Protein backbone atom coordinates (compact mmCIF):
# COMPACT_ATOMS: atom_id res chain seq x y z
CA MET A 1 -1.10 -12.17 19.38
CA GLN A 2 -1.63 -8.41 19.83
CA LYS A 3 -0.68 -6.08 16.98
CA LEU A 4 2.12 -3.53 17.50
CA THR A 5 2.69 -0.68 15.05
CA ILE A 6 6.27 0.60 14.83
CA VAL A 7 6.89 3.69 12.72
CA LYS A 8 10.17 5.31 11.71
CA ILE A 9 9.67 8.93 10.70
CA GLY A 10 12.22 10.43 8.32
CA GLY A 11 14.31 13.55 8.74
CA ASN A 12 12.61 15.66 6.07
CA VAL A 13 9.31 15.38 7.95
CA ILE A 14 10.99 16.17 11.27
CA ASP A 15 12.49 19.30 9.68
CA ASP A 16 9.11 20.71 8.59
CA PRO A 17 6.91 21.77 11.56
CA ARG A 18 3.76 21.69 9.41
CA LEU A 19 4.41 18.19 8.06
CA LEU A 20 5.43 16.95 11.50
CA HIS A 21 2.28 18.24 13.16
CA ARG A 22 0.07 16.72 10.46
CA PHE A 23 1.88 13.40 10.88
CA LEU A 24 1.51 13.48 14.68
CA VAL A 25 -2.24 14.18 14.43
CA ASP A 26 -2.61 11.03 12.30
CA TRP A 27 -0.16 9.05 14.45
CA ALA A 28 -2.15 9.91 17.58
CA ALA A 29 -5.20 8.36 15.89
CA VAL A 30 -3.48 5.00 15.27
CA THR A 31 -5.11 2.54 17.66
CA GLY A 32 -3.49 -0.16 19.77
CA PRO A 33 0.10 -0.42 21.08
CA LYS A 34 2.54 1.66 19.02
CA LEU A 35 6.11 2.90 19.07
CA LEU A 36 7.76 5.74 17.14
CA VAL A 37 11.42 6.04 16.09
CA HIS A 38 12.60 9.42 14.81
CA GLY A 39 15.68 10.99 13.24
CA GLY A 40 16.66 14.67 13.10
CA GLY A 41 20.00 14.90 11.32
CA LYS A 42 19.40 18.20 9.54
CA ILE A 43 18.38 19.91 12.76
CA ALA A 44 21.48 18.50 14.49
CA SER A 45 23.66 19.87 11.67
CA ALA A 46 22.01 23.30 11.89
CA ILE A 47 22.33 23.51 15.68
CA GLY A 48 25.93 22.32 15.48
CA GLN A 49 26.78 25.03 12.95
CA ARG A 50 25.25 27.66 15.23
CA LEU A 51 27.64 26.38 17.91
CA GLY A 52 30.59 26.46 15.52
CA ILE A 53 30.65 22.69 15.00
CA GLU A 54 30.62 21.80 11.30
CA PRO A 55 29.05 18.44 10.37
CA LYS A 56 31.52 15.87 9.08
CA MET A 57 30.03 13.39 6.60
CA VAL A 58 31.49 10.44 4.67
CA ASP A 59 29.24 8.85 2.02
CA GLY A 60 26.22 10.42 3.69
CA ARG A 61 27.14 9.06 7.14
CA ARG A 62 27.87 11.37 10.04
CA ILE A 63 31.23 11.24 11.77
CA THR A 64 30.38 11.50 15.46
CA ASP A 65 33.33 12.92 17.36
CA ALA A 66 33.00 13.96 21.01
CA GLU A 67 31.63 17.44 20.17
CA THR A 68 29.16 16.05 17.65
CA LEU A 69 27.97 13.45 20.17
CA GLU A 70 27.08 16.30 22.53
CA VAL A 71 25.11 18.00 19.73
CA VAL A 72 23.17 14.90 18.62
CA THR A 73 22.42 14.00 22.23
CA MET A 74 20.97 17.48 22.82
CA VAL A 75 19.04 17.50 19.55
CA TYR A 76 17.84 13.91 19.20
CA GLY A 77 17.33 13.09 22.87
CA GLY A 78 16.22 16.60 23.85
CA LEU A 79 14.91 19.13 21.35
CA VAL A 80 13.35 16.80 18.74
CA ASN A 81 12.26 14.03 21.09
CA LYS A 82 10.60 16.26 23.68
CA ASN A 83 8.94 18.42 21.03
CA ILE A 84 7.28 15.29 19.64
CA VAL A 85 6.30 14.09 23.11
CA ALA A 86 4.78 17.47 24.01
CA GLN A 87 2.75 17.62 20.80
CA LEU A 88 1.46 14.08 21.32
CA GLN A 89 0.42 14.91 24.89
CA ALA A 90 -1.58 17.82 23.47
CA LEU A 91 -3.26 15.32 21.14
CA GLY A 92 -4.22 13.02 24.01
CA ASN A 93 -1.52 10.43 23.31
CA ASN A 94 0.42 9.56 26.48
CA ALA A 95 3.92 9.51 24.96
CA ILE A 96 7.18 8.84 26.77
CA GLY A 97 10.49 9.97 25.25
CA LEU A 98 13.40 7.53 25.35
CA THR A 99 16.97 6.99 24.25
CA GLY A 100 18.49 3.53 24.17
CA ALA A 101 20.01 4.16 27.61
CA ASP A 102 16.61 4.71 29.27
CA ALA A 103 15.45 1.48 30.90
CA ASN A 104 18.39 -0.13 29.06
CA ILE A 105 16.14 -0.53 26.00
CA ILE A 106 18.86 -0.57 23.31
CA LYS A 107 22.45 -1.60 23.89
CA ALA A 108 25.03 -1.26 21.13
CA GLU A 109 28.72 -1.60 20.43
CA LYS A 110 30.94 1.24 19.26
CA ARG A 111 31.64 0.74 15.56
CA PRO A 112 35.17 -0.65 15.11
CA VAL A 113 37.63 1.40 13.08
CA LYS A 114 38.34 -0.12 9.67
CA THR A 115 39.09 2.33 6.88
CA ILE A 116 37.08 5.14 8.51
CA ASP A 117 36.75 6.10 12.18
CA TYR A 118 33.08 7.02 12.61
CA GLY A 119 33.65 7.97 16.23
CA PHE A 120 30.85 7.47 18.75
CA VAL A 121 28.59 5.50 16.40
CA GLY A 122 26.78 2.43 17.66
CA ASP A 123 26.05 -0.85 15.91
CA VAL A 124 23.16 -2.85 17.38
CA LYS A 125 24.06 -6.52 17.18
CA GLY A 126 20.54 -7.90 17.07
CA PRO A 127 17.24 -8.41 18.90
CA GLU A 128 19.10 -9.71 21.96
CA SER A 129 20.31 -6.11 22.46
CA ILE A 130 16.72 -4.91 23.04
CA ASN A 131 15.04 -4.88 26.46
CA VAL A 132 11.75 -6.33 25.27
CA ALA A 133 10.35 -6.71 28.79
CA ALA A 134 10.79 -3.00 29.59
CA LEU A 135 9.20 -1.84 26.34
CA ASP A 136 6.36 -4.34 26.74
CA ALA A 137 5.70 -3.04 30.27
CA MET A 138 5.47 0.55 28.95
CA LEU A 139 3.14 -0.48 26.12
CA GLN A 140 0.90 -2.49 28.43
CA ALA A 141 0.76 0.49 30.82
CA GLY A 142 -0.64 2.61 27.96
CA PHE A 143 2.49 4.60 27.11
CA THR A 144 3.62 5.33 23.55
CA PRO A 145 7.45 5.13 23.46
CA ILE A 146 9.11 7.80 21.29
CA VAL A 147 12.62 6.55 20.64
CA ALA A 148 15.54 8.82 19.70
CA PRO A 149 18.34 7.26 17.60
CA LEU A 150 20.78 7.10 20.50
CA THR A 151 21.94 3.83 22.03
CA HIS A 152 24.43 3.10 24.82
CA ASP A 153 27.40 0.78 25.27
CA GLY A 154 26.72 -0.32 28.84
CA LYS A 155 29.90 1.43 29.96
CA GLY A 156 28.48 4.92 30.35
CA SER A 157 28.72 6.20 26.78
CA LEU A 158 25.89 7.15 24.44
CA LEU A 159 26.27 6.22 20.78
CA ASN A 160 24.78 7.81 17.67
CA THR A 161 22.88 5.08 15.79
CA ASN A 162 21.09 4.94 12.44
CA ALA A 163 17.35 5.43 13.01
CA ASP A 164 16.31 2.96 10.28
CA THR A 165 18.46 0.32 11.96
CA VAL A 166 16.98 1.12 15.38
CA ALA A 167 13.45 0.72 13.99
CA SER A 168 14.20 -2.59 12.27
CA VAL A 169 15.96 -4.14 15.27
CA LEU A 170 13.17 -3.01 17.60
CA ALA A 171 10.62 -4.55 15.21
CA VAL A 172 12.40 -7.91 15.11
CA ALA A 173 12.83 -7.99 18.91
CA MET A 174 9.23 -7.02 19.65
CA ALA A 175 7.99 -9.69 17.21
CA GLN A 176 8.69 -12.14 20.05
CA LYS A 177 5.59 -10.79 21.82
CA TYR A 178 3.55 -8.98 19.16
CA LYS A 179 2.36 -9.20 15.59
CA VAL A 180 4.53 -6.31 14.40
CA GLN A 181 3.88 -4.03 11.45
CA LEU A 182 6.83 -1.77 10.62
CA LEU A 183 6.15 1.42 8.68
CA TYR A 184 8.86 3.66 7.23
CA CYS A 185 7.35 7.12 6.71
CA PHE A 186 9.09 9.85 4.73
CA GLU A 187 8.26 12.52 2.12
CA LYS A 188 7.62 10.19 -0.86
CA LYS A 189 4.46 8.14 -1.50
CA GLY A 190 6.44 4.90 -1.49
CA VAL A 191 9.04 3.11 -3.58
CA LEU A 192 8.82 4.73 -7.01
CA GLU A 193 9.13 3.03 -10.40
CA ASP A 194 10.22 6.40 -11.79
CA ALA A 195 12.02 8.74 -9.37
CA ALA A 196 10.77 11.75 -11.37
CA ASN A 197 7.12 10.69 -11.07
CA ASP A 198 5.75 10.83 -7.53
CA ASP A 199 2.69 8.83 -8.59
CA SER A 200 4.64 5.82 -9.95
CA VAL A 201 4.33 3.94 -6.65
CA VAL A 202 5.22 0.25 -6.61
CA GLU A 203 2.32 -1.21 -4.61
CA LEU A 204 4.00 -4.56 -3.88
CA LEU A 205 7.78 -5.03 -3.78
CA THR A 206 9.05 -8.61 -3.74
CA PRO A 207 12.70 -9.72 -3.83
CA ASP A 208 12.40 -10.43 -7.58
CA LYS A 209 10.91 -7.02 -8.30
CA TYR A 210 13.56 -5.38 -6.10
CA LYS A 211 16.36 -7.16 -8.00
CA THR A 212 14.90 -6.05 -11.34
CA MET A 213 14.62 -2.43 -10.17
CA GLN A 214 18.24 -2.50 -8.98
CA GLU A 215 19.41 -3.87 -12.33
CA LYS A 216 17.53 -1.08 -14.13
CA GLY A 217 18.99 1.56 -11.80
CA GLN A 218 15.54 2.48 -10.45
CA VAL A 219 16.53 2.23 -6.78
CA PHE A 220 18.99 4.81 -5.52
CA ALA A 221 21.65 4.70 -2.81
CA GLY A 222 19.59 6.22 0.01
CA MET A 223 16.77 3.70 -0.45
CA LEU A 224 18.93 0.57 -0.74
CA PRO A 225 19.77 0.11 2.98
CA LYS A 226 16.15 0.90 3.92
CA LEU A 227 14.85 -1.82 1.58
CA ASP A 228 17.56 -4.30 2.59
CA ASN A 229 16.52 -3.72 6.22
CA ALA A 230 12.86 -4.18 5.29
CA PHE A 231 13.39 -7.60 3.68
CA ALA A 232 15.65 -8.70 6.55
CA THR A 233 13.01 -7.86 9.16
CA LEU A 234 10.38 -9.90 7.29
CA GLN A 235 12.77 -12.86 7.28
CA SER A 236 13.19 -12.40 11.05
CA GLY A 237 9.55 -12.56 12.10
CA VAL A 238 8.07 -9.10 11.43
CA SER A 239 4.60 -9.53 9.93
CA ILE A 240 4.19 -6.44 7.73
CA VAL A 241 6.59 -3.82 6.34
CA LYS A 242 5.43 -0.76 4.40
CA ILE A 243 7.13 2.36 3.06
CA GLY A 244 5.18 5.52 2.30
CA GLN A 245 4.68 9.20 2.94
CA SER A 246 4.01 10.58 6.39
CA GLU A 247 0.56 11.83 5.37
CA ASP A 248 -0.53 8.22 4.80
CA VAL A 249 0.58 6.78 8.15
CA LEU A 250 -2.98 6.19 9.38
CA ALA A 251 -4.06 4.55 6.12
CA MET A 252 -0.98 2.30 6.11
CA ALA A 253 -1.46 1.39 9.77
CA GLU A 254 -5.08 0.45 9.08
CA GLY A 255 -4.16 -1.75 6.12
CA LYS A 256 -5.63 0.52 3.44
CA ALA A 257 -4.18 0.98 -0.04
CA ALA A 258 -1.28 3.35 0.56
CA GLY A 259 2.49 3.24 0.18
CA THR A 260 4.57 0.26 -0.88
CA THR A 261 4.10 -3.11 0.83
CA ILE A 262 7.34 -5.10 1.13
CA ALA A 263 6.74 -8.85 0.85
CA LEU A 264 8.88 -11.96 0.54
CA GLU A 265 6.57 -13.32 -2.17
CA ALA A 266 3.71 -12.09 -4.35
């Protein structure tokens, strides 16, 4: 089975042109079929403010009303996505920018209103929501899909969708055809034993180790859903999951000692 590398690149790297360019140089050097998922929330907030649209957040999650949906569509699907594609073309990597609506690659459902109305936010139900055949055709044709965190409901509406979730669902779906390694790249070197020490990287994180770190308060709110997603993807057929800094993407992709490897057992 052919290997497929799926990388989710975090917002803090997207926000820094120098870090982003360095990441893309290394990403362009990753061999074999690959797919990139990106965020861009801070840029969307900044552009929105310039347009007089203040970001609305609840517990770190963006409320996506109709105006905000226009902003994130412009920023995620346009400004950020096409900037990445253009830079990769300059690096000799034949990238193709996509939202979930393009080639029907990611269908979602609008999040139901419970205690909070998140607006035009999409929940991807599972790997059956992914058009594996279309993505496989692009990969086999030599394209590198660059996926913005926008899905669609099949009724004509785009939906703002969490980029970590998009990456994990894509990984599980593509595991039907590929040996998938999923890499979460952000500004830290990996999962840290001590949040104040950037060199305290946990090389191997198992469910037992994860539980212990939670009990000791060593894993913070922003990392919890990322790690929960990581373990869930391994249980659903993804071969390898790693978390590390963007500068180490090539080393992680090549199986070298970098970042934190998430594993179901030691």
